[in-house]
mmCIF file of all heavy atoms, coordinates in Angstrom:
data_MODEL
# 
_entry.id   MODEL 
# 
loop_
_atom_site.group_PDB 
_atom_site.id 
_atom_site.type_symbol 
_atom_site.label_atom_id 
_atom_site.label_alt_id 
_atom_site.label_comp_id 
_atom_site.label_asym_id 
_atom_site.label_entity_id 
_atom_site.label_seq_id 
_atom_site.pdbx_PDB_ins_code 
_atom_site.Cartn_x 
_atom_site.Cartn_y 
_atom_site.Cartn_z 
_atom_site.occupancy 
_atom_site.B_iso_or_equiv 
_atom_site.pdbx_formal_charge 
_atom_site.auth_seq_id 
_atom_site.auth_comp_id 
_atom_site.auth_asym_id 
_atom_site.auth_atom_id 
_atom_site.pdbx_PDB_model_num 
ATOM 1   N N   . PHE A 1 1  ? -4.180  -6.970  -0.718  1.00 0.00 ? 1  PHE A N   1 
ATOM 2   C CA  . PHE A 1 1  ? -4.259  -5.634  -1.117  1.00 0.00 ? 1  PHE A CA  1 
ATOM 3   C C   . PHE A 1 1  ? -4.871  -4.794  -0.021  1.00 0.00 ? 1  PHE A C   1 
ATOM 4   O O   . PHE A 1 1  ? -5.943  -5.080  0.497   1.00 0.00 ? 1  PHE A O   1 
ATOM 5   C CB  . PHE A 1 1  ? -5.034  -5.419  -2.406  1.00 0.00 ? 1  PHE A CB  1 
ATOM 6   C CG  . PHE A 1 1  ? -5.072  -3.966  -2.705  1.00 0.00 ? 1  PHE A CG  1 
ATOM 7   C CD1 . PHE A 1 1  ? -3.957  -3.291  -3.181  1.00 0.00 ? 1  PHE A CD1 1 
ATOM 8   C CD2 . PHE A 1 1  ? -6.281  -3.364  -3.007  1.00 0.00 ? 1  PHE A CD2 1 
ATOM 9   C CE1 . PHE A 1 1  ? -3.904  -1.985  -3.559  1.00 0.00 ? 1  PHE A CE1 1 
ATOM 10  C CE2 . PHE A 1 1  ? -6.409  -1.970  -3.427  1.00 0.00 ? 1  PHE A CE2 1 
ATOM 11  C CZ  . PHE A 1 1  ? -5.237  -1.338  -3.739  1.00 0.00 ? 1  PHE A CZ  1 
ATOM 12  N N   . GLY A 1 2  ? -4.049  -3.781  0.475   1.00 0.00 ? 2  GLY A N   1 
ATOM 13  C CA  . GLY A 1 2  ? -4.519  -3.013  1.560   1.00 0.00 ? 2  GLY A CA  1 
ATOM 14  C C   . GLY A 1 2  ? -4.127  -3.476  3.047   1.00 0.00 ? 2  GLY A C   1 
ATOM 15  O O   . GLY A 1 2  ? -4.363  -2.708  4.009   1.00 0.00 ? 2  GLY A O   1 
ATOM 16  N N   . ASP A 1 3  ? -3.701  -4.694  3.224   1.00 0.00 ? 3  ASP A N   1 
ATOM 17  C CA  . ASP A 1 3  ? -3.468  -5.316  4.461   1.00 0.00 ? 3  ASP A CA  1 
ATOM 18  C C   . ASP A 1 3  ? -2.205  -4.725  5.052   1.00 0.00 ? 3  ASP A C   1 
ATOM 19  O O   . ASP A 1 3  ? -1.149  -4.330  4.321   1.00 0.00 ? 3  ASP A O   1 
ATOM 20  C CB  . ASP A 1 3  ? -3.416  -6.851  4.384   1.00 0.00 ? 3  ASP A CB  1 
ATOM 21  C CG  . ASP A 1 3  ? -3.437  -7.458  5.670   1.00 0.00 ? 3  ASP A CG  1 
ATOM 22  O OD1 . ASP A 1 3  ? -4.007  -6.790  6.561   1.00 0.00 ? 3  ASP A OD1 1 
ATOM 23  O OD2 . ASP A 1 3  ? -2.951  -8.700  5.825   1.00 0.00 ? 3  ASP A OD2 1 
ATOM 24  N N   . GLU A 1 4  ? -2.075  -4.788  6.298   1.00 0.00 ? 4  GLU A N   1 
ATOM 25  C CA  . GLU A 1 4  ? -0.870  -4.634  7.168   1.00 0.00 ? 4  GLU A CA  1 
ATOM 26  C C   . GLU A 1 4  ? -0.458  -3.145  7.346   1.00 0.00 ? 4  GLU A C   1 
ATOM 27  O O   . GLU A 1 4  ? -0.023  -2.822  8.492   1.00 0.00 ? 4  GLU A O   1 
ATOM 28  C CB  . GLU A 1 4  ? 0.365   -5.438  6.549   1.00 0.00 ? 4  GLU A CB  1 
ATOM 29  C CG  . GLU A 1 4  ? 0.144   -6.934  6.601   1.00 0.00 ? 4  GLU A CG  1 
ATOM 30  C CD  . GLU A 1 4  ? 1.537   -7.560  6.370   1.00 0.00 ? 4  GLU A CD  1 
ATOM 31  O OE1 . GLU A 1 4  ? 2.538   -7.284  7.068   1.00 0.00 ? 4  GLU A OE1 1 
ATOM 32  O OE2 . GLU A 1 4  ? 1.510   -8.347  5.360   1.00 0.00 ? 4  GLU A OE2 1 
ATOM 33  N N   . TRP A 1 5  ? -0.308  -2.334  6.387   1.00 0.00 ? 5  TRP A N   1 
ATOM 34  C CA  . TRP A 1 5  ? 0.406   -1.104  6.511   1.00 0.00 ? 5  TRP A CA  1 
ATOM 35  C C   . TRP A 1 5  ? -0.355  -0.024  7.338   1.00 0.00 ? 5  TRP A C   1 
ATOM 36  O O   . TRP A 1 5  ? -1.645  -0.241  7.559   1.00 0.00 ? 5  TRP A O   1 
ATOM 37  C CB  . TRP A 1 5  ? 0.742   -0.647  5.139   1.00 0.00 ? 5  TRP A CB  1 
ATOM 38  C CG  . TRP A 1 5  ? -0.190  0.307   4.442   1.00 0.00 ? 5  TRP A CG  1 
ATOM 39  C CD1 . TRP A 1 5  ? -1.604  0.233   4.417   1.00 0.00 ? 5  TRP A CD1 1 
ATOM 40  C CD2 . TRP A 1 5  ? -0.017  1.357   3.535   1.00 0.00 ? 5  TRP A CD2 1 
ATOM 41  N NE1 . TRP A 1 5  ? -2.151  1.162   3.560   1.00 0.00 ? 5  TRP A NE1 1 
ATOM 42  C CE2 . TRP A 1 5  ? -1.255  1.880   3.067   1.00 0.00 ? 5  TRP A CE2 1 
ATOM 43  C CE3 . TRP A 1 5  ? 1.181   1.942   3.140   1.00 0.00 ? 5  TRP A CE3 1 
ATOM 44  C CZ2 . TRP A 1 5  ? -1.283  2.911   2.167   1.00 0.00 ? 5  TRP A CZ2 1 
ATOM 45  C CZ3 . TRP A 1 5  ? 1.146   3.082   2.346   1.00 0.00 ? 5  TRP A CZ3 1 
ATOM 46  C CH2 . TRP A 1 5  ? -0.097  3.474   1.723   1.00 0.00 ? 5  TRP A CH2 1 
ATOM 47  N N   . SER A 1 6  ? 0.202   0.925   7.667   1.00 0.00 ? 6  SER A N   1 
ATOM 48  C CA  . SER A 1 6  ? -0.289  1.953   8.656   1.00 0.00 ? 6  SER A CA  1 
ATOM 49  C C   . SER A 1 6  ? -0.435  3.347   7.844   1.00 0.00 ? 6  SER A C   1 
ATOM 50  O O   . SER A 1 6  ? -0.508  4.368   8.432   1.00 0.00 ? 6  SER A O   1 
ATOM 51  C CB  . SER A 1 6  ? 0.600   2.149   9.767   1.00 0.00 ? 6  SER A CB  1 
ATOM 52  O OG  . SER A 1 6  ? 1.904   2.524   9.523   1.00 0.00 ? 6  SER A OG  1 
ATOM 53  N N   . GLY A 1 7  ? -0.445  3.327   6.510   1.00 0.00 ? 7  GLY A N   1 
ATOM 54  C CA  . GLY A 1 7  ? -0.471  4.463   5.677   1.00 0.00 ? 7  GLY A CA  1 
ATOM 55  C C   . GLY A 1 7  ? -1.915  4.951   5.401   1.00 0.00 ? 7  GLY A C   1 
ATOM 56  O O   . GLY A 1 7  ? -2.060  5.895   4.477   1.00 0.00 ? 7  GLY A O   1 
ATOM 57  N N   . GLY A 1 8  ? -2.941  4.640   6.084   1.00 0.00 ? 8  GLY A N   1 
ATOM 58  C CA  . GLY A 1 8  ? -4.205  5.005   5.802   1.00 0.00 ? 8  GLY A CA  1 
ATOM 59  C C   . GLY A 1 8  ? -4.966  4.232   4.846   1.00 0.00 ? 8  GLY A C   1 
ATOM 60  O O   . GLY A 1 8  ? -4.496  3.233   4.337   1.00 0.00 ? 8  GLY A O   1 
ATOM 61  N N   . ALA A 1 9  ? -6.240  4.581   4.606   1.00 0.00 ? 9  ALA A N   1 
ATOM 62  C CA  . ALA A 1 9  ? -7.098  3.878   3.759   1.00 0.00 ? 9  ALA A CA  1 
ATOM 63  C C   . ALA A 1 9  ? -6.519  3.870   2.263   1.00 0.00 ? 9  ALA A C   1 
ATOM 64  O O   . ALA A 1 9  ? -6.136  4.884   1.802   1.00 0.00 ? 9  ALA A O   1 
ATOM 65  C CB  . ALA A 1 9  ? -8.485  4.485   3.747   1.00 0.00 ? 9  ALA A CB  1 
ATOM 66  N N   . VAL A 1 10 ? -6.698  2.672   1.693   1.00 0.00 ? 10 VAL A N   1 
ATOM 67  C CA  . VAL A 1 10 ? -6.220  2.521   0.317   1.00 0.00 ? 10 VAL A CA  1 
ATOM 68  C C   . VAL A 1 10 ? -7.481  2.719   -0.602  1.00 0.00 ? 10 VAL A C   1 
ATOM 69  O O   . VAL A 1 10 ? -8.124  1.792   -1.044  1.00 0.00 ? 10 VAL A O   1 
ATOM 70  C CB  . VAL A 1 10 ? -5.454  1.122   0.096   1.00 0.00 ? 10 VAL A CB  1 
ATOM 71  C CG1 . VAL A 1 10 ? -5.031  1.088   -1.299  1.00 0.00 ? 10 VAL A CG1 1 
ATOM 72  C CG2 . VAL A 1 10 ? -4.462  0.879   1.085   1.00 0.00 ? 10 VAL A CG2 1 
ATOM 73  N N   . ASP A 1 11 ? -7.860  3.951   -0.786  1.00 0.00 ? 11 ASP A N   1 
ATOM 74  C CA  . ASP A 1 11 ? -9.078  4.305   -1.361  1.00 0.00 ? 11 ASP A CA  1 
ATOM 75  C C   . ASP A 1 11 ? -9.090  5.267   -2.555  1.00 0.00 ? 11 ASP A C   1 
ATOM 76  O O   . ASP A 1 11 ? -10.043 5.852   -3.065  1.00 0.00 ? 11 ASP A O   1 
ATOM 77  C CB  . ASP A 1 11 ? -10.099 4.744   -0.381  1.00 0.00 ? 11 ASP A CB  1 
ATOM 78  C CG  . ASP A 1 11 ? -9.500  6.153   0.349   1.00 0.00 ? 11 ASP A CG  1 
ATOM 79  O OD1 . ASP A 1 11 ? -8.335  6.531   0.005   1.00 0.00 ? 11 ASP A OD1 1 
ATOM 80  O OD2 . ASP A 1 11 ? -10.187 6.570   1.283   1.00 0.00 ? 11 ASP A OD2 1 
ATOM 81  N N   . SER A 1 12 ? -7.781  5.336   -3.113  1.00 0.00 ? 12 SER A N   1 
ATOM 82  C CA  . SER A 1 12 ? -7.532  6.197   -4.310  1.00 0.00 ? 12 SER A CA  1 
ATOM 83  C C   . SER A 1 12 ? -6.530  5.546   -5.085  1.00 0.00 ? 12 SER A C   1 
ATOM 84  O O   . SER A 1 12 ? -5.607  4.801   -4.579  1.00 0.00 ? 12 SER A O   1 
ATOM 85  C CB  . SER A 1 12 ? -7.196  7.575   -3.823  1.00 0.00 ? 12 SER A CB  1 
ATOM 86  O OG  . SER A 1 12 ? -5.935  7.588   -3.280  1.00 0.00 ? 12 SER A OG  1 
ATOM 87  N N   . PRO A 1 13 ? -6.419  5.903   -6.404  1.00 0.00 ? 13 PRO A N   1 
ATOM 88  C CA  . PRO A 1 13 ? -5.298  5.478   -7.191  1.00 0.00 ? 13 PRO A CA  1 
ATOM 89  C C   . PRO A 1 13 ? -3.910  5.721   -6.609  1.00 0.00 ? 13 PRO A C   1 
ATOM 90  O O   . PRO A 1 13 ? -3.051  4.884   -6.666  1.00 0.00 ? 13 PRO A O   1 
ATOM 91  C CB  . PRO A 1 13 ? -5.464  6.016   -8.545  1.00 0.00 ? 13 PRO A CB  1 
ATOM 92  C CG  . PRO A 1 13 ? -6.973  6.261   -8.730  1.00 0.00 ? 13 PRO A CG  1 
ATOM 93  C CD  . PRO A 1 13 ? -7.357  6.689   -7.244  1.00 0.00 ? 13 PRO A CD  1 
ATOM 94  N N   . GLY A 1 14 ? -3.828  6.912   -6.113  1.00 0.00 ? 14 GLY A N   1 
ATOM 95  C CA  . GLY A 1 14 ? -2.436  7.356   -5.512  1.00 0.00 ? 14 GLY A CA  1 
ATOM 96  C C   . GLY A 1 14 ? -2.164  6.437   -4.329  1.00 0.00 ? 14 GLY A C   1 
ATOM 97  O O   . GLY A 1 14 ? -1.024  5.898   -4.161  1.00 0.00 ? 14 GLY A O   1 
ATOM 98  N N   . GLN A 1 15 ? -3.120  6.264   -3.463  1.00 0.00 ? 15 GLN A N   1 
ATOM 99  C CA  . GLN A 1 15 ? -2.916  5.304   -2.225  1.00 0.00 ? 15 GLN A CA  1 
ATOM 100 C C   . GLN A 1 15 ? -2.720  3.848   -2.655  1.00 0.00 ? 15 GLN A C   1 
ATOM 101 O O   . GLN A 1 15 ? -1.867  3.135   -2.064  1.00 0.00 ? 15 GLN A O   1 
ATOM 102 C CB  . GLN A 1 15 ? -4.144  5.389   -1.254  1.00 0.00 ? 15 GLN A CB  1 
ATOM 103 C CG  . GLN A 1 15 ? -4.133  6.626   -0.438  1.00 0.00 ? 15 GLN A CG  1 
ATOM 104 C CD  . GLN A 1 15 ? -3.109  6.576   0.693   1.00 0.00 ? 15 GLN A CD  1 
ATOM 105 O OE1 . GLN A 1 15 ? -1.916  6.892   0.511   1.00 0.00 ? 15 GLN A OE1 1 
ATOM 106 N NE2 . GLN A 1 15 ? -3.574  6.155   1.850   1.00 0.00 ? 15 GLN A NE2 1 
ATOM 107 N N   . ALA A 1 16 ? -3.336  3.498   -3.712  1.00 0.00 ? 16 ALA A N   1 
ATOM 108 C CA  . ALA A 1 16 ? -3.087  2.074   -4.187  1.00 0.00 ? 16 ALA A CA  1 
ATOM 109 C C   . ALA A 1 16 ? -1.763  1.943   -4.562  1.00 0.00 ? 16 ALA A C   1 
ATOM 110 O O   . ALA A 1 16 ? -1.141  0.851   -4.307  1.00 0.00 ? 16 ALA A O   1 
ATOM 111 C CB  . ALA A 1 16 ? -4.059  1.785   -5.380  1.00 0.00 ? 16 ALA A CB  1 
ATOM 112 N N   . ARG A 1 17 ? -1.205  2.819   -5.453  1.00 0.00 ? 17 ARG A N   1 
ATOM 113 C CA  . ARG A 1 17 ? 0.211   2.795   -5.984  1.00 0.00 ? 17 ARG A CA  1 
ATOM 114 C C   . ARG A 1 17 ? 1.162   2.854   -4.716  1.00 0.00 ? 17 ARG A C   1 
ATOM 115 O O   . ARG A 1 17 ? 2.199   2.064   -4.638  1.00 0.00 ? 17 ARG A O   1 
ATOM 116 C CB  . ARG A 1 17 ? 0.578   3.837   -6.808  1.00 0.00 ? 17 ARG A CB  1 
ATOM 117 C CG  . ARG A 1 17 ? -0.279  3.766   -8.179  1.00 0.00 ? 17 ARG A CG  1 
ATOM 118 C CD  . ARG A 1 17 ? 0.155   4.766   -9.230  1.00 0.00 ? 17 ARG A CD  1 
ATOM 119 N NE  . ARG A 1 17 ? -0.641  4.699   -10.471 1.00 0.00 ? 17 ARG A NE  1 
ATOM 120 C CZ  . ARG A 1 17 ? -0.405  3.830   -11.422 1.00 0.00 ? 17 ARG A CZ  1 
ATOM 121 N NH1 . ARG A 1 17 ? 0.841   3.102   -11.290 1.00 0.00 ? 17 ARG A NH1 1 
ATOM 122 N NH2 . ARG A 1 17 ? -1.107  3.788   -12.525 1.00 0.00 ? 17 ARG A NH2 1 
ATOM 123 N N   . ALA A 1 18 ? 0.835   3.659   -3.694  1.00 0.00 ? 18 ALA A N   1 
ATOM 124 C CA  . ALA A 1 18 ? 1.778   3.815   -2.494  1.00 0.00 ? 18 ALA A CA  1 
ATOM 125 C C   . ALA A 1 18 ? 1.808   2.455   -1.756  1.00 0.00 ? 18 ALA A C   1 
ATOM 126 O O   . ALA A 1 18 ? 2.774   2.023   -1.227  1.00 0.00 ? 18 ALA A O   1 
ATOM 127 C CB  . ALA A 1 18 ? 1.261   4.978   -1.649  1.00 0.00 ? 18 ALA A CB  1 
ATOM 128 N N   . TRP A 1 19 ? 0.555   1.834   -1.675  1.00 0.00 ? 19 TRP A N   1 
ATOM 129 C CA  . TRP A 1 19 ? 0.595   0.513   -0.969  1.00 0.00 ? 19 TRP A CA  1 
ATOM 130 C C   . TRP A 1 19 ? 1.399   -0.545  -1.649  1.00 0.00 ? 19 TRP A C   1 
ATOM 131 O O   . TRP A 1 19 ? 2.097   -1.331  -1.023  1.00 0.00 ? 19 TRP A O   1 
ATOM 132 C CB  . TRP A 1 19 ? -0.895  0.010   -0.759  1.00 0.00 ? 19 TRP A CB  1 
ATOM 133 C CG  . TRP A 1 19 ? -0.903  -1.205  0.069   1.00 0.00 ? 19 TRP A CG  1 
ATOM 134 C CD1 . TRP A 1 19 ? -1.079  -1.406  1.421   1.00 0.00 ? 19 TRP A CD1 1 
ATOM 135 C CD2 . TRP A 1 19 ? -0.781  -2.557  -0.389  1.00 0.00 ? 19 TRP A CD2 1 
ATOM 136 N NE1 . TRP A 1 19 ? -0.953  -2.721  1.760   1.00 0.00 ? 19 TRP A NE1 1 
ATOM 137 C CE2 . TRP A 1 19 ? -0.813  -3.537  0.639   1.00 0.00 ? 19 TRP A CE2 1 
ATOM 138 C CE3 . TRP A 1 19 ? -0.734  -3.104  -1.731  1.00 0.00 ? 19 TRP A CE3 1 
ATOM 139 C CZ2 . TRP A 1 19 ? -0.710  -4.818  0.512   1.00 0.00 ? 19 TRP A CZ2 1 
ATOM 140 C CZ3 . TRP A 1 19 ? -0.536  -4.440  -1.880  1.00 0.00 ? 19 TRP A CZ3 1 
ATOM 141 C CH2 . TRP A 1 19 ? -0.622  -5.297  -0.777  1.00 0.00 ? 19 TRP A CH2 1 
ATOM 142 N N   . VAL A 1 20 ? 1.182   -0.624  -3.009  1.00 0.00 ? 20 VAL A N   1 
ATOM 143 C CA  . VAL A 1 20 ? 1.912   -1.619  -3.735  1.00 0.00 ? 20 VAL A CA  1 
ATOM 144 C C   . VAL A 1 20 ? 3.564   -1.352  -3.685  1.00 0.00 ? 20 VAL A C   1 
ATOM 145 O O   . VAL A 1 20 ? 4.204   -2.306  -3.448  1.00 0.00 ? 20 VAL A O   1 
ATOM 146 C CB  . VAL A 1 20 ? 1.529   -1.501  -5.215  1.00 0.00 ? 20 VAL A CB  1 
ATOM 147 C CG1 . VAL A 1 20 ? 2.440   -2.497  -6.157  1.00 0.00 ? 20 VAL A CG1 1 
ATOM 148 C CG2 . VAL A 1 20 ? 0.106   -2.075  -5.377  1.00 0.00 ? 20 VAL A CG2 1 
ATOM 149 N N   . ARG A 1 21 ? 3.884   -0.131  -3.619  1.00 0.00 ? 21 ARG A N   1 
ATOM 150 C CA  . ARG A 1 21 ? 5.418   0.186   -3.508  1.00 0.00 ? 21 ARG A CA  1 
ATOM 151 C C   . ARG A 1 21 ? 5.742   -0.273  -2.101  1.00 0.00 ? 21 ARG A C   1 
ATOM 152 O O   . ARG A 1 21 ? 6.931   -0.742  -1.869  1.00 0.00 ? 21 ARG A O   1 
ATOM 153 C CB  . ARG A 1 21 ? 5.659   1.627   -3.673  1.00 0.00 ? 21 ARG A CB  1 
ATOM 154 C CG  . ARG A 1 21 ? 5.546   2.210   -5.228  1.00 0.00 ? 21 ARG A CG  1 
ATOM 155 C CD  . ARG A 1 21 ? 6.028   3.539   -5.297  1.00 0.00 ? 21 ARG A CD  1 
ATOM 156 N NE  . ARG A 1 21 ? 5.296   4.554   -4.625  1.00 0.00 ? 21 ARG A NE  1 
ATOM 157 C CZ  . ARG A 1 21 ? 4.215   5.182   -5.075  1.00 0.00 ? 21 ARG A CZ  1 
ATOM 158 N NH1 . ARG A 1 21 ? 3.808   4.947   -6.434  1.00 0.00 ? 21 ARG A NH1 1 
ATOM 159 N NH2 . ARG A 1 21 ? 3.534   6.169   -4.530  1.00 0.00 ? 21 ARG A NH2 1 
ATOM 160 N N   . TRP A 1 22 ? 4.837   -0.028  -1.048  1.00 0.00 ? 22 TRP A N   1 
ATOM 161 C CA  . TRP A 1 22 ? 5.232   -0.466  0.292   1.00 0.00 ? 22 TRP A CA  1 
ATOM 162 C C   . TRP A 1 22 ? 5.411   -1.969  0.313   1.00 0.00 ? 22 TRP A C   1 
ATOM 163 O O   . TRP A 1 22 ? 6.307   -2.594  0.908   1.00 0.00 ? 22 TRP A O   1 
ATOM 164 C CB  . TRP A 1 22 ? 4.066   -0.013  1.288   1.00 0.00 ? 22 TRP A CB  1 
ATOM 165 C CG  . TRP A 1 22 ? 4.270   -0.782  2.619   1.00 0.00 ? 22 TRP A CG  1 
ATOM 166 C CD1 . TRP A 1 22 ? 4.947   -0.261  3.715   1.00 0.00 ? 22 TRP A CD1 1 
ATOM 167 C CD2 . TRP A 1 22 ? 3.643   -1.939  3.040   1.00 0.00 ? 22 TRP A CD2 1 
ATOM 168 N NE1 . TRP A 1 22 ? 4.840   -1.145  4.736   1.00 0.00 ? 22 TRP A NE1 1 
ATOM 169 C CE2 . TRP A 1 22 ? 4.102   -2.270  4.309   1.00 0.00 ? 22 TRP A CE2 1 
ATOM 170 C CE3 . TRP A 1 22 ? 2.734   -2.825  2.424   1.00 0.00 ? 22 TRP A CE3 1 
ATOM 171 C CZ2 . TRP A 1 22 ? 3.557   -3.288  5.022   1.00 0.00 ? 22 TRP A CZ2 1 
ATOM 172 C CZ3 . TRP A 1 22 ? 2.268   -3.911  3.082   1.00 0.00 ? 22 TRP A CZ3 1 
ATOM 173 C CH2 . TRP A 1 22 ? 2.712   -4.197  4.377   1.00 0.00 ? 22 TRP A CH2 1 
ATOM 174 N N   . ALA A 1 23 ? 4.495   -2.756  -0.384  1.00 0.00 ? 23 ALA A N   1 
ATOM 175 C CA  . ALA A 1 23 ? 4.471   -4.227  -0.330  1.00 0.00 ? 23 ALA A CA  1 
ATOM 176 C C   . ALA A 1 23 ? 5.730   -4.761  -1.031  1.00 0.00 ? 23 ALA A C   1 
ATOM 177 O O   . ALA A 1 23 ? 6.311   -5.646  -0.596  1.00 0.00 ? 23 ALA A O   1 
ATOM 178 C CB  . ALA A 1 23 ? 3.199   -4.764  -0.991  1.00 0.00 ? 23 ALA A CB  1 
ATOM 179 N N   . ALA A 1 24 ? 6.131   -4.040  -2.080  1.00 0.00 ? 24 ALA A N   1 
ATOM 180 C CA  . ALA A 1 24 ? 7.391   -4.475  -2.822  1.00 0.00 ? 24 ALA A CA  1 
ATOM 181 C C   . ALA A 1 24 ? 8.548   -4.215  -1.884  1.00 0.00 ? 24 ALA A C   1 
ATOM 182 O O   . ALA A 1 24 ? 9.497   -4.991  -1.848  1.00 0.00 ? 24 ALA A O   1 
ATOM 183 C CB  . ALA A 1 24 ? 7.393   -3.671  -4.080  1.00 0.00 ? 24 ALA A CB  1 
ATOM 184 N N   . GLY A 1 25 ? 8.560   -3.090  -1.269  1.00 0.00 ? 25 GLY A N   1 
ATOM 185 C CA  . GLY A 1 25 ? 9.669   -2.792  -0.358  1.00 0.00 ? 25 GLY A CA  1 
ATOM 186 C C   . GLY A 1 25 ? 9.836   -3.713  0.844   1.00 0.00 ? 25 GLY A C   1 
ATOM 187 O O   . GLY A 1 25 ? 10.797  -4.065  1.380   1.00 0.00 ? 25 GLY A O   1 
ATOM 188 N N   . ARG A 1 26 ? 8.617   -4.241  1.247   1.00 0.00 ? 26 ARG A N   1 
ATOM 189 C CA  . ARG A 1 26 ? 8.606   -5.023  2.390   1.00 0.00 ? 26 ARG A CA  1 
ATOM 190 C C   . ARG A 1 26 ? 9.068   -6.491  2.044   1.00 0.00 ? 26 ARG A C   1 
ATOM 191 O O   . ARG A 1 26 ? 9.431   -7.178  2.862   1.00 0.00 ? 26 ARG A O   1 
ATOM 192 C CB  . ARG A 1 26 ? 7.052   -5.234  2.783   1.00 0.00 ? 26 ARG A CB  1 
ATOM 193 C CG  . ARG A 1 26 ? 6.796   -6.168  4.035   1.00 0.00 ? 26 ARG A CG  1 
ATOM 194 C CD  . ARG A 1 26 ? 6.945   -5.485  5.342   1.00 0.00 ? 26 ARG A CD  1 
ATOM 195 N NE  . ARG A 1 26 ? 6.412   -6.302  6.383   1.00 0.00 ? 26 ARG A NE  1 
ATOM 196 C CZ  . ARG A 1 26 ? 7.132   -7.390  7.005   1.00 0.00 ? 26 ARG A CZ  1 
ATOM 197 N NH1 . ARG A 1 26 ? 8.221   -7.650  6.649   1.00 0.00 ? 26 ARG A NH1 1 
ATOM 198 N NH2 . ARG A 1 26 ? 6.499   -7.991  7.892   1.00 0.00 ? 26 ARG A NH2 1 
ATOM 199 N N   . GLY A 1 27 ? 9.105   -6.761  0.720   1.00 0.00 ? 27 GLY A N   1 
ATOM 200 C CA  . GLY A 1 27 ? 9.721   -7.970  0.232   1.00 0.00 ? 27 GLY A CA  1 
ATOM 201 C C   . GLY A 1 27 ? 8.639   -9.015  -0.207  1.00 0.00 ? 27 GLY A C   1 
ATOM 202 O O   . GLY A 1 27 ? 9.016   -10.180 -0.562  1.00 0.00 ? 27 GLY A O   1 
ATOM 203 N N   . TYR A 1 28 ? 7.383   -8.644  -0.277  1.00 0.00 ? 28 TYR A N   1 
ATOM 204 C CA  . TYR A 1 28 ? 6.334   -9.570  -0.724  1.00 0.00 ? 28 TYR A CA  1 
ATOM 205 C C   . TYR A 1 28 ? 6.623   -10.035 -2.331  1.00 0.00 ? 28 TYR A C   1 
ATOM 206 O O   . TYR A 1 28 ? 7.100   -9.171  -3.149  1.00 0.00 ? 28 TYR A O   1 
ATOM 207 C CB  . TYR A 1 28 ? 5.018   -9.016  -0.683  1.00 0.00 ? 28 TYR A CB  1 
ATOM 208 C CG  . TYR A 1 28 ? 4.462   -9.129  0.846   1.00 0.00 ? 28 TYR A CG  1 
ATOM 209 C CD1 . TYR A 1 28 ? 4.559   -8.067  1.632   1.00 0.00 ? 28 TYR A CD1 1 
ATOM 210 C CD2 . TYR A 1 28 ? 4.145   -10.296 1.276   1.00 0.00 ? 28 TYR A CD2 1 
ATOM 211 C CE1 . TYR A 1 28 ? 4.106   -8.180  2.966   1.00 0.00 ? 28 TYR A CE1 1 
ATOM 212 C CE2 . TYR A 1 28 ? 3.717   -10.565 2.625   1.00 0.00 ? 28 TYR A CE2 1 
ATOM 213 C CZ  . TYR A 1 28 ? 3.630   -9.469  3.432   1.00 0.00 ? 28 TYR A CZ  1 
ATOM 214 O OH  . TYR A 1 28 ? 3.277   -9.510  4.763   1.00 0.00 ? 28 TYR A OH  1 
# 
């Protein structure tokens, strides 16, 4: 959780959801 992406700190519920969507799109 929070690794790899360049979308900024994953420090809020909104950022958490954005990171998970990114990970799903990446194919994890």
